[in-house]
Each structure stands twice: as C-alpha cells, then as structure tokens.
PDB file of all heavy atoms in Angstrom:
ATOM      1  N   SER A   1      99.088  95.657  98.479  1.00  0.00           N
ATOM      2  CA  SER A   1      98.324  96.716  97.819  1.00  0.00           C
ATOM      3  C   SER A   1      96.875  96.293  97.596  1.00  0.00           C
ATOM      4  O   SER A   1      95.936  97.066  97.802  1.00  0.00           O
ATOM      5  CB  SER A   1      98.962  97.088  96.481  1.00  0.00           C
ATOM      6  OG  SER A   1     100.265  97.609  96.655  1.00  0.00           O
ATOM      7  N   LEU A   2      96.689  95.056  97.187  1.00  0.00           N
ATOM      8  CA  LEU A   2      95.345  94.536  96.926  1.00  0.00           C
ATOM      9  C   LEU A   2      94.459  94.649  98.167  1.00  0.00           C
ATOM     10  O   LEU A   2      93.281  94.997  98.081  1.00  0.00           O
ATOM     11  CB  LEU A   2      95.443  93.077  96.475  1.00  0.00           C
ATOM     12  CG  LEU A   2      94.140  92.380  96.066  1.00  0.00           C
ATOM     13  CD1 LEU A   2      93.606  92.970  94.768  1.00  0.00           C
ATOM     14  CD2 LEU A   2      94.367  90.875  95.910  1.00  0.00           C
ATOM     15  N   GLY A   3      95.041  94.379  99.327  1.00  0.00           N
ATOM     16  CA  GLY A   3      94.268  94.406 100.563  1.00  0.00           C
ATOM     17  C   GLY A   3      93.731  95.774 100.930  1.00  0.00           C
ATOM     18  O   GLY A   3      92.819  95.892 101.759  1.00  0.00           O
ATOM     19  N   ASN A   4      94.253  96.832 100.322  1.00  0.00           N
ATOM     20  CA  ASN A   4      93.819  98.197 100.653  1.00  0.00           C
ATOM     21  C   ASN A   4      92.702  98.708  99.742  1.00  0.00           C
ATOM     22  O   ASN A   4      92.256  99.841  99.897  1.00  0.00           O
ATOM     23  CB  ASN A   4      95.009  99.164 100.567  1.00  0.00           C
ATOM     24  CG  ASN A   4      95.896  99.081 101.805  1.00  0.00           C
ATOM     25  OD1 ASN A   4      95.703  98.232 102.660  1.00  0.00           O
ATOM     26  ND2 ASN A   4      96.855  99.972 101.899  1.00  0.00           N
ATOM     27  N   ILE A   5      92.272  97.891  98.795  1.00  0.00           N
ATOM     28  CA  ILE A   5      91.201  98.326  97.891  1.00  0.00           C
ATOM     29  C   ILE A   5      89.865  98.287  98.635  1.00  0.00           C
ATOM     30  O   ILE A   5      89.508  97.288  99.270  1.00  0.00           O
ATOM     31  CB  ILE A   5      91.148  97.426  96.639  1.00  0.00           C
ATOM     32  CG1 ILE A   5      92.459  97.550  95.849  1.00  0.00           C
ATOM     33  CG2 ILE A   5      89.949  97.779  95.765  1.00  0.00           C
ATOM     34  CD1 ILE A   5      92.559  96.604  94.674  1.00  0.00           C
ATOM     35  N   VAL A   6      89.124  99.412  98.568  1.00  0.00           N
ATOM     36  CA  VAL A   6      87.832  99.550  99.234  1.00  0.00           C
ATOM     37  C   VAL A   6      86.758  99.741  98.170  1.00  0.00           C
ATOM     38  O   VAL A   6      86.993 100.368  97.141  1.00  0.00           O
ATOM     39  CB  VAL A   6      87.849 100.753 100.204  1.00  0.00           C
ATOM     40  CG1 VAL A   6      86.492 100.956 100.854  1.00  0.00           C
ATOM     41  CG2 VAL A   6      88.924 100.548 101.270  1.00  0.00           C
ATOM     42  N   PHE A   7      85.557  99.196  98.421  1.00  0.00           N
ATOM     43  CA  PHE A   7      84.473  99.245  97.442  1.00  0.00           C
ATOM     44  C   PHE A   7      83.305 100.095  97.955  1.00  0.00           C
ATOM     45  O   PHE A   7      83.084 100.209  99.154  1.00  0.00           O
ATOM     46  CB  PHE A   7      83.975  97.825  97.136  1.00  0.00           C
ATOM     47  CG  PHE A   7      85.057  96.907  96.648  1.00  0.00           C
ATOM     48  CD1 PHE A   7      85.756  96.092  97.550  1.00  0.00           C
ATOM     49  CD2 PHE A   7      85.409  96.858  95.312  1.00  0.00           C
ATOM     50  CE1 PHE A   7      86.763  95.250  97.111  1.00  0.00           C
ATOM     51  CE2 PHE A   7      86.414  96.019  94.872  1.00  0.00           C
ATOM     52  CZ  PHE A   7      87.090  95.214  95.769  1.00  0.00           C
ATOM     53  N   GLU A   8      82.574 100.669  96.995  1.00  0.00           N
ATOM     54  CA  GLU A   8      81.367 101.408  97.330  1.00  0.00           C
ATOM     55  C   GLU A   8      80.270 101.034  96.343  1.00  0.00           C
ATOM     56  O   GLU A   8      80.540 100.767  95.161  1.00  0.00           O
ATOM     57  CB  GLU A   8      81.623 102.923  97.292  1.00  0.00           C
ATOM     58  CG  GLU A   8      82.069 103.458  95.946  1.00  0.00           C
ATOM     59  CD  GLU A   8      82.317 104.953  95.959  1.00  0.00           C
ATOM     60  OE1 GLU A   8      82.312 105.545  97.056  1.00  0.00           O
ATOM     61  OE2 GLU A   8      82.529 105.530  94.860  1.00  0.00           O
ATOM     62  N   PRO A   9      79.019 101.003  96.822  1.00  0.00           N
ATOM     63  CA  PRO A   9      77.916 100.604  95.935  1.00  0.00           C
ATOM     64  C   PRO A   9      77.613 101.672  94.883  1.00  0.00           C
ATOM     65  O   PRO A   9      77.838 102.858  95.095  1.00  0.00           O
ATOM     66  CB  PRO A   9      76.726 100.424  96.900  1.00  0.00           C
ATOM     67  CG  PRO A   9      77.098 101.177  98.122  1.00  0.00           C
ATOM     68  CD  PRO A   9      78.578 101.222  98.205  1.00  0.00           C
ATOM     69  N   GLU A  10      77.104 101.215  93.734  1.00  0.00           N
ATOM     70  CA  GLU A  10      76.672 102.113  92.670  1.00  0.00           C
ATOM     71  C   GLU A  10      75.143 102.160  92.618  1.00  0.00           C
ATOM     72  O   GLU A  10      74.477 101.171  92.960  1.00  0.00           O
ATOM     73  CB  GLU A  10      77.222 101.647  91.318  1.00  0.00           C
ATOM     74  CG  GLU A  10      78.731 101.825  91.186  1.00  0.00           C
ATOM     75  CD  GLU A  10      79.196 101.647  89.746  1.00  0.00           C
ATOM     76  OE1 GLU A  10      78.878 100.593  89.154  1.00  0.00           O
ATOM     77  OE2 GLU A  10      79.834 102.576  89.219  1.00  0.00           O
ATOM     78  N   GLU A  11      74.609 103.292  92.195  1.00  0.00           N
ATOM     79  CA  GLU A  11      73.160 103.457  92.169  1.00  0.00           C
ATOM     80  C   GLU A  11      72.489 102.452  91.241  1.00  0.00           C
ATOM     81  O   GLU A  11      71.402 101.948  91.517  1.00  0.00           O
ATOM     82  CB  GLU A  11      72.804 104.880  91.718  1.00  0.00           C
ATOM     83  CG  GLU A  11      73.159 105.942  92.745  1.00  0.00           C
ATOM     84  CD  GLU A  11      72.717 107.323  92.298  1.00  0.00           C
ATOM     85  OE1 GLU A  11      72.034 107.420  91.249  1.00  0.00           O
ATOM     86  OE2 GLU A  11      73.060 108.291  93.004  1.00  0.00           O
ATOM     87  N   ALA A  12      73.151 102.144  90.138  1.00  0.00           N
ATOM     88  CA  ALA A  12      72.558 101.220  89.162  1.00  0.00           C
ATOM     89  C   ALA A  12      72.714  99.754  89.561  1.00  0.00           C
ATOM     90  O   ALA A  12      72.272  98.856  88.847  1.00  0.00           O
ATOM     91  CB  ALA A  12      73.181 101.451  87.792  1.00  0.00           C
ATOM     92  N   GLY A  13      73.329  99.512  90.710  1.00  0.00           N
ATOM     93  CA  GLY A  13      73.584  98.140  91.156  1.00  0.00           C
ATOM     94  C   GLY A  13      75.047  97.783  91.040  1.00  0.00           C
ATOM     95  O   GLY A  13      75.789  98.385  90.253  1.00  0.00           O
ATOM     96  N   GLY A  14      75.459  96.827  91.809  1.00  0.00           N
ATOM     97  CA  GLY A  14      76.865  96.434  91.816  1.00  0.00           C
ATOM     98  C   GLY A  14      77.712  97.415  92.614  1.00  0.00           C
ATOM     99  O   GLY A  14      77.194  98.264  93.361  1.00  0.00           O
ATOM    100  N   VAL A  15      79.005  97.297  92.476  1.00  0.00           N
ATOM    101  CA  VAL A  15      79.947  98.130  93.224  1.00  0.00           C
ATOM    102  C   VAL A  15      81.066  98.599  92.308  1.00  0.00           C
ATOM    103  O   VAL A  15      81.249  98.069  91.208  1.00  0.00           O
ATOM    104  CB  VAL A  15      80.566  97.371  94.425  1.00  0.00           C
ATOM    105  CG1 VAL A  15      79.510  96.995  95.445  1.00  0.00           C
ATOM    106  CG2 VAL A  15      81.334  96.142  93.946  1.00  0.00           C
ATOM    107  N   THR A  16      81.800  99.587  92.779  1.00  0.00           N
ATOM    108  CA  THR A  16      83.021 100.014  92.112  1.00  0.00           C
ATOM    109  C   THR A  16      84.053 100.322  93.184  1.00  0.00           C
ATOM    110  O   THR A  16      83.742 100.283  94.385  1.00  0.00           O
ATOM    111  CB  THR A  16      82.773 101.248  91.230  1.00  0.00           C
ATOM    112  OG1 THR A  16      83.953 101.498  90.449  1.00  0.00           O
ATOM    113  CG2 THR A  16      82.458 102.473  92.079  1.00  0.00           C
ATOM    114  N   VAL A  17      85.265 100.612  92.763  1.00  0.00           N
ATOM    115  CA  VAL A  17      86.323 100.916  93.726  1.00  0.00           C
ATOM    116  C   VAL A  17      86.161 102.340  94.224  1.00  0.00           C
ATOM    117  O   VAL A  17      85.936 103.272  93.448  1.00  0.00           O
ATOM    118  CB  VAL A  17      87.712 100.714  93.073  1.00  0.00           C
ATOM    119  CG1 VAL A  17      88.816 101.251  93.986  1.00  0.00           C
ATOM    120  CG2 VAL A  17      87.945  99.244  92.790  1.00  0.00           C
ATOM    121  N   ASP A  18      86.246 102.507  95.522  1.00  0.00           N
ATOM    122  CA  ASP A  18      86.191 103.824  96.147  1.00  0.00           C
ATOM    123  C   ASP A  18      87.279 104.720  95.552  1.00  0.00           C
ATOM    124  O   ASP A  18      88.412 104.278  95.328  1.00  0.00           O
ATOM    125  CB  ASP A  18      86.393 103.655  97.655  1.00  0.00           C
ATOM    126  CG  ASP A  18      86.475 104.976  98.375  1.00  0.00           C
ATOM    127  OD1 ASP A  18      85.414 105.537  98.705  1.00  0.00           O
ATOM    128  OD2 ASP A  18      87.600 105.452  98.585  1.00  0.00           O
ATOM    129  N   GLY A  19      86.929 105.975  95.294  1.00  0.00           N
ATOM    130  CA  GLY A  19      87.871 106.886  94.639  1.00  0.00           C
ATOM    131  C   GLY A  19      89.181 107.024  95.371  1.00  0.00           C
ATOM    132  O   GLY A  19      90.257 107.094  94.762  1.00  0.00           O
ATOM    133  N   ALA A  20      89.135 107.010  96.710  1.00  0.00           N
ATOM    134  CA  ALA A  20      90.355 107.179  97.508  1.00  0.00           C
ATOM    135  C   ALA A  20      91.289 105.990  97.393  1.00  0.00           C
ATOM    136  O   ALA A  20      92.495 106.107  97.647  1.00  0.00           O
ATOM    137  CB  ALA A  20      89.987 107.410  98.976  1.00  0.00           C
ATOM    138  N   SER A  21      90.762 104.836  96.995  1.00  0.00           N
ATOM    139  CA  SER A  21      91.621 103.650  96.906  1.00  0.00           C
ATOM    140  C   SER A  21      91.916 103.244  95.466  1.00  0.00           C
ATOM    141  O   SER A  21      92.458 102.162  95.225  1.00  0.00           O
ATOM    142  CB  SER A  21      90.993 102.469  97.658  1.00  0.00           C
ATOM    143  OG  SER A  21      89.785 102.066  97.059  1.00  0.00           O
ATOM    144  N   MET A  22      91.547 104.106  94.515  1.00  0.00           N
ATOM    145  CA  MET A  22      91.844 103.800  93.116  1.00  0.00           C
ATOM    146  C   MET A  22      93.349 103.649  92.893  1.00  0.00           C
ATOM    147  O   MET A  22      93.795 102.839  92.062  1.00  0.00           O
ATOM    148  CB  MET A  22      91.285 104.902  92.203  1.00  0.00           C
ATOM    149  CG  MET A  22      91.421 104.604  90.723  1.00  0.00           C
ATOM    150  SD  MET A  22      90.579 103.078  90.198  1.00  0.00           S
ATOM    151  CE  MET A  22      88.859 103.608  90.316  1.00  0.00           C
ATOM    152  N   GLY A  23      94.137 104.425  93.648  1.00  0.00           N
ATOM    153  CA  GLY A  23      95.592 104.301  93.534  1.00  0.00           C
ATOM    154  C   GLY A  23      96.080 102.923  93.925  1.00  0.00           C
ATOM    155  O   GLY A  23      97.043 102.400  93.339  1.00  0.00           O
ATOM    156  N   TRP A  24      95.422 102.304  94.926  1.00  0.00           N
ATOM    157  CA  TRP A  24      95.815 100.945  95.350  1.00  0.00           C
ATOM    158  C   TRP A  24      95.487  99.926  94.262  1.00  0.00           C
ATOM    159  O   TRP A  24      96.227  98.956  94.066  1.00  0.00           O
ATOM    160  CB  TRP A  24      95.124 100.575  96.654  1.00  0.00           C
ATOM    161  CG  TRP A  24      95.596 101.367  97.829  1.00  0.00           C
ATOM    162  CD1 TRP A  24      94.895 102.280  98.545  1.00  0.00           C
ATOM    163  CD2 TRP A  24      96.902 101.324  98.416  1.00  0.00           C
ATOM    164  NE1 TRP A  24      95.675 102.810  99.558  1.00  0.00           N
ATOM    165  CE2 TRP A  24      96.909 102.242  99.502  1.00  0.00           C
ATOM    166  CE3 TRP A  24      98.069 100.616  98.139  1.00  0.00           C
ATOM    167  CZ2 TRP A  24      98.032 102.455 100.297  1.00  0.00           C
ATOM    168  CZ3 TRP A  24      99.191 100.821  98.939  1.00  0.00           C
ATOM    169  CH2 TRP A  24      99.166 101.730  99.996  1.00  0.00           C
ATOM    170  N   LEU A  25      94.368 100.135  93.571  1.00  0.00           N
ATOM    171  CA  LEU A  25      94.024  99.241  92.468  1.00  0.00           C
ATOM    172  C   LEU A  25      95.095  99.308  91.383  1.00  0.00           C
ATOM    173  O   LEU A  25      95.560  98.273  90.884  1.00  0.00           O
ATOM    174  CB  LEU A  25      92.661  99.623  91.884  1.00  0.00           C
ATOM    175  CG  LEU A  25      92.264  98.864  90.609  1.00  0.00           C
ATOM    176  CD1 LEU A  25      91.962  97.414  90.931  1.00  0.00           C
ATOM    177  CD2 LEU A  25      91.067  99.533  89.933  1.00  0.00           C
ATOM    178  N   LYS A  26      95.512 100.528  91.029  1.00  0.00           N
ATOM    179  CA  LYS A  26      96.534 100.686  89.996  1.00  0.00           C
ATOM    180  C   LYS A  26      97.869 100.110  90.455  1.00  0.00           C
ATOM    181  O   LYS A  26      98.590  99.488  89.656  1.00  0.00           O
ATOM    182  CB  LYS A  26      96.682 102.165  89.640  1.00  0.00           C
ATOM    183  CG  LYS A  26      95.461 102.752  88.952  1.00  0.00           C
ATOM    184  CD  LYS A  26      95.642 104.242  88.667  1.00  0.00           C
ATOM    185  CE  LYS A  26      94.419 104.814  87.952  1.00  0.00           C
ATOM    186  NZ  LYS A  26      94.560 106.272  87.708  1.00  0.00           N
ATOM    187  N   ALA A  27      98.189 100.302  91.745  1.00  0.00           N
ATOM    188  CA  ALA A  27      99.448  99.760  92.267  1.00  0.00           C
ATOM    189  C   ALA A  27      99.444  98.239  92.218  1.00  0.00           C
ATOM    190  O   ALA A  27     100.409  97.609  91.751  1.00  0.00           O
ATOM    191  CB  ALA A  27      99.668 100.245  93.704  1.00  0.00           C
ATOM    192  N   ALA A  28      98.332  97.613  92.668  1.00  0.00           N
ATOM    193  CA  ALA A  28      98.240  96.148  92.664  1.00  0.00           C
ATOM    194  C   ALA A  28      98.308  95.609  91.242  1.00  0.00           C
ATOM    195  O   ALA A  28      98.990  94.605  90.973  1.00  0.00           O
ATOM    196  CB  ALA A  28      96.953  95.705  93.343  1.00  0.00           C
ATOM    197  N   ALA A  29      97.615  96.278  90.321  1.00  0.00           N
ATOM    198  CA  ALA A  29      97.637  95.826  88.930  1.00  0.00           C
ATOM    199  C   ALA A  29      99.047  95.894  88.358  1.00  0.00           C
ATOM    200  O   ALA A  29      99.506  94.959  87.676  1.00  0.00           O
ATOM    201  CB  ALA A  29      96.680  96.684  88.092  1.00  0.00           C
ATOM    202  N   GLY A  30      99.760  96.975  88.658  1.00  0.00           N
ATOM    203  CA  GLY A  30     101.133  97.098  88.169  1.00  0.00           C
ATOM    204  C   GLY A  30     102.041  96.036  88.752  1.00  0.00           C
ATOM    205  O   GLY A  30     102.877  95.444  88.056  1.00  0.00           O
ATOM    206  N   GLN A  31     101.892  95.770  90.052  1.00  0.00           N
ATOM    207  CA  GLN A  31     102.730  94.754  90.707  1.00  0.00           C
ATOM    208  C   GLN A  31     102.390  93.353  90.220  1.00  0.00           C
ATOM    209  O   GLN A  31     103.253  92.474  90.180  1.00  0.00           O
ATOM    210  CB  GLN A  31     102.561  94.879  92.221  1.00  0.00           C
ATOM    211  CG  GLN A  31     103.221  96.136  92.787  1.00  0.00           C
ATOM    212  CD  GLN A  31     102.582  96.605  94.086  1.00  0.00           C
ATOM    213  OE1 GLN A  31     101.398  96.405  94.335  1.00  0.00           O
ATOM    214  NE2 GLN A  31     103.390  97.245  94.937  1.00  0.00           N
ATOM    215  N   PHE A  32     101.128  93.134  89.829  1.00  0.00           N
ATOM    216  CA  PHE A  32     100.720  91.829  89.306  1.00  0.00           C
ATOM    217  C   PHE A  32     100.936  91.708  87.799  1.00  0.00           C
ATOM    218  O   PHE A  32     100.716  90.638  87.226  1.00  0.00           O
ATOM    219  CB  PHE A  32      99.248  91.569  89.625  1.00  0.00           C
ATOM    220  CG  PHE A  32      98.968  91.289  91.083  1.00  0.00           C
ATOM    221  CD1 PHE A  32      97.705  91.529  91.611  1.00  0.00           C
ATOM    222  CD2 PHE A  32      99.943  90.779  91.924  1.00  0.00           C
ATOM    223  CE1 PHE A  32      97.434  91.266  92.941  1.00  0.00           C
ATOM    224  CE2 PHE A  32      99.689  90.516  93.254  1.00  0.00           C
ATOM    225  CZ  PHE A  32      98.425  90.765  93.770  1.00  0.00           C
ATOM    226  N   GLY A  33     101.333  92.809  87.157  1.00  0.00           N
ATOM    227  CA  GLY A  33     101.601  92.761  85.723  1.00  0.00           C
ATOM    228  C   GLY A  33     100.358  92.617  84.871  1.00  0.00           C
ATOM    229  O   GLY A  33     100.384  91.955  83.827  1.00  0.00           O
ATOM    230  N   VAL A  34      99.233  93.230  85.320  1.00  0.00           N
ATOM    231  CA  VAL A  34      97.982  93.170  84.564  1.00  0.00           C
ATOM    232  C   VAL A  34      97.420  94.589  84.422  1.00  0.00           C
ATOM    233  O   VAL A  34      97.893  95.526  85.068  1.00  0.00           O
ATOM    234  CB  VAL A  34      96.945  92.248  85.255  1.00  0.00           C
ATOM    235  CG1 VAL A  34      97.478  90.827  85.352  1.00  0.00           C
ATOM    236  CG2 VAL A  34      96.575  92.774  86.646  1.00  0.00           C
ATOM    237  N   GLN A  35      96.377  94.735  83.624  1.00  0.00           N
ATOM    238  CA  GLN A  35      95.755  96.037  83.427  1.00  0.00           C
ATOM    239  C   GLN A  35      94.765  96.328  84.566  1.00  0.00           C
ATOM    240  O   GLN A  35      94.030  95.428  84.995  1.00  0.00           O
ATOM    241  CB  GLN A  35      95.010  96.082  82.093  1.00  0.00           C
ATOM    242  CG  GLN A  35      95.922  96.029  80.877  1.00  0.00           C
ATOM    243  CD  GLN A  35      96.906  97.194  80.855  1.00  0.00           C
ATOM    244  OE1 GLN A  35      96.527  98.353  81.059  1.00  0.00           O
ATOM    245  NE2 GLN A  35      98.178  96.871  80.627  1.00  0.00           N
ATOM    246  N   PRO A  36      94.724  97.592  85.057  1.00  0.00           N
ATOM    247  CA  PRO A  36      93.811  97.935  86.162  1.00  0.00           C
ATOM    248  C   PRO A  36      92.349  97.603  85.863  1.00  0.00           C
ATOM    249  O   PRO A  36      91.636  97.087  86.735  1.00  0.00           O
ATOM    250  CB  PRO A  36      94.020  99.443  86.331  1.00  0.00           C
ATOM    251  CG  PRO A  36      95.404  99.688  85.834  1.00  0.00           C
ATOM    252  CD  PRO A  36      95.599  98.727  84.703  1.00  0.00           C
ATOM    253  N   ASP A  37      91.883  97.874  84.638  1.00  0.00           N
ATOM    254  CA  ASP A  37      90.484  97.598  84.296  1.00  0.00           C
ATOM    255  C   ASP A  37      90.181  96.105  84.354  1.00  0.00           C
ATOM    256  O   ASP A  37      89.085  95.695  84.758  1.00  0.00           O
ATOM    257  CB  ASP A  37      90.161  98.136  82.896  1.00  0.00           C
ATOM    258  CG  ASP A  37      90.087  99.654  82.868  1.00  0.00           C
ATOM    259  OD1 ASP A  37      90.034 100.268  83.965  1.00  0.00           O
ATOM    260  OD2 ASP A  37      90.102 100.234  81.762  1.00  0.00           O
ATOM    261  N   ASP A  38      91.149  95.292  83.933  1.00  0.00           N
ATOM    262  CA  ASP A  38      90.947  93.835  83.975  1.00  0.00           C
ATOM    263  C   ASP A  38      90.880  93.334  85.417  1.00  0.00           C
ATOM    264  O   ASP A  38      90.057  92.476  85.748  1.00  0.00           O
ATOM    265  CB  ASP A  38      92.069  93.125  83.222  1.00  0.00           C
ATOM    266  CG  ASP A  38      92.046  93.415  81.733  1.00  0.00           C
ATOM    267  OD1 ASP A  38      90.965  93.756  81.219  1.00  0.00           O
ATOM    268  OD2 ASP A  38      93.114  93.318  81.092  1.00  0.00           O
ATOM    269  N   LEU A  39      91.760  93.851  86.279  1.00  0.00           N
ATOM    270  CA  LEU A  39      91.730  93.461  87.685  1.00  0.00           C
ATOM    271  C   LEU A  39      90.436  93.937  88.333  1.00  0.00           C
ATOM    272  O   LEU A  39      89.810  93.187  89.104  1.00  0.00           O
ATOM    273  CB  LEU A  39      92.940  94.048  88.420  1.00  0.00           C
ATOM    274  CG  LEU A  39      93.039  93.744  89.919  1.00  0.00           C
ATOM    275  CD1 LEU A  39      93.058  92.235  90.173  1.00  0.00           C
ATOM    276  CD2 LEU A  39      94.293  94.401  90.525  1.00  0.00           C
ATOM    277  N   LEU A  40      90.019  95.156  88.027  1.00  0.00           N
ATOM    278  CA  LEU A  40      88.767  95.687  88.574  1.00  0.00           C
ATOM    279  C   LEU A  40      87.589  94.804  88.193  1.00  0.00           C
ATOM    280  O   LEU A  40      86.728  94.492  89.026  1.00  0.00           O
ATOM    281  CB  LEU A  40      88.541  97.115  88.055  1.00  0.00           C
ATOM    282  CG  LEU A  40      87.201  97.766  88.434  1.00  0.00           C
ATOM    283  CD1 LEU A  40      87.084  97.915  89.944  1.00  0.00           C
ATOM    284  CD2 LEU A  40      87.042  99.115  87.745  1.00  0.00           C
ATOM    285  N   SER A  41      87.553  94.384  86.938  1.00  0.00           N
ATOM    286  CA  SER A  41      86.457  93.535  86.466  1.00  0.00           C
ATOM    287  C   SER A  41      86.376  92.237  87.272  1.00  0.00           C
ATOM    288  O   SER A  41      85.292  91.759  87.606  1.00  0.00           O
ATOM    289  CB  SER A  41      86.643  93.215  84.983  1.00  0.00           C
ATOM    290  OG  SER A  41      85.619  92.363  84.515  1.00  0.00           O
ATOM    291  N   CYS A  42      87.537  91.658  87.597  1.00  0.00           N
ATOM    292  CA  CYS A  42      87.562  90.412  88.379  1.00  0.00           C
ATOM    293  C   CYS A  42      87.072  90.627  89.808  1.00  0.00           C
ATOM    294  O   CYS A  42      86.577  89.702  90.446  1.00  0.00           O
ATOM    295  CB  CYS A  42      88.976  89.839  88.404  1.00  0.00           C
ATOM    296  SG  CYS A  42      89.555  89.237  86.814  1.00  0.00           S
ATOM    297  N   LEU A  43      87.238  91.843  90.313  1.00  0.00           N
ATOM    298  CA  LEU A  43      86.836  92.141  91.685  1.00  0.00           C
ATOM    299  C   LEU A  43      85.348  92.443  91.808  1.00  0.00           C
ATOM    300  O   LEU A  43      84.725  92.094  92.811  1.00  0.00           O
ATOM    301  CB  LEU A  43      87.641  93.330  92.213  1.00  0.00           C
ATOM    302  CG  LEU A  43      89.137  93.101  92.435  1.00  0.00           C
ATOM    303  CD1 LEU A  43      89.837  94.434  92.701  1.00  0.00           C
ATOM    304  CD2 LEU A  43      89.374  92.136  93.582  1.00  0.00           C
ATOM    305  N   ILE A  44      84.757  93.098  90.813  1.00  0.00           N
ATOM    306  CA  ILE A  44      83.385  93.585  90.963  1.00  0.00           C
ATOM    307  C   ILE A  44      82.343  92.716  90.264  1.00  0.00           C
ATOM    308  O   ILE A  44      81.145  92.938  90.425  1.00  0.00           O
ATOM    309  CB  ILE A  44      83.250  95.036  90.446  1.00  0.00           C
ATOM    310  CG1 ILE A  44      83.511  95.103  88.945  1.00  0.00           C
ATOM    311  CG2 ILE A  44      84.191  95.959  91.211  1.00  0.00           C
ATOM    312  CD1 ILE A  44      83.244  96.469  88.330  1.00  0.00           C
TER     313      ILE A  44
END
C-alpha cells in the first residue's frame, strides 16, 4: 500500500499526498497500526 502513495507539490512549498492516493495512505497507516497524519508527516 505504501508504494502506491503519490505526491504533488504545494504552492506554499513542500508536498502533500495526491488526492487520488489518499486512500493508499490511510490503508498503509491502518496496516502499520499508526495514524494517517503521523505517517504523512514522516513522508513529507
């Protein structure tokens, strides 16, 4: 699931998870037993 997460740049700088792959972020977080926001923070 983690491998399917795609990123897109933000206007203010940095990146976030592409909307179409937000489900993969939530799936990976659930399978890893962590919160999606915490996993996202580690990625970006």
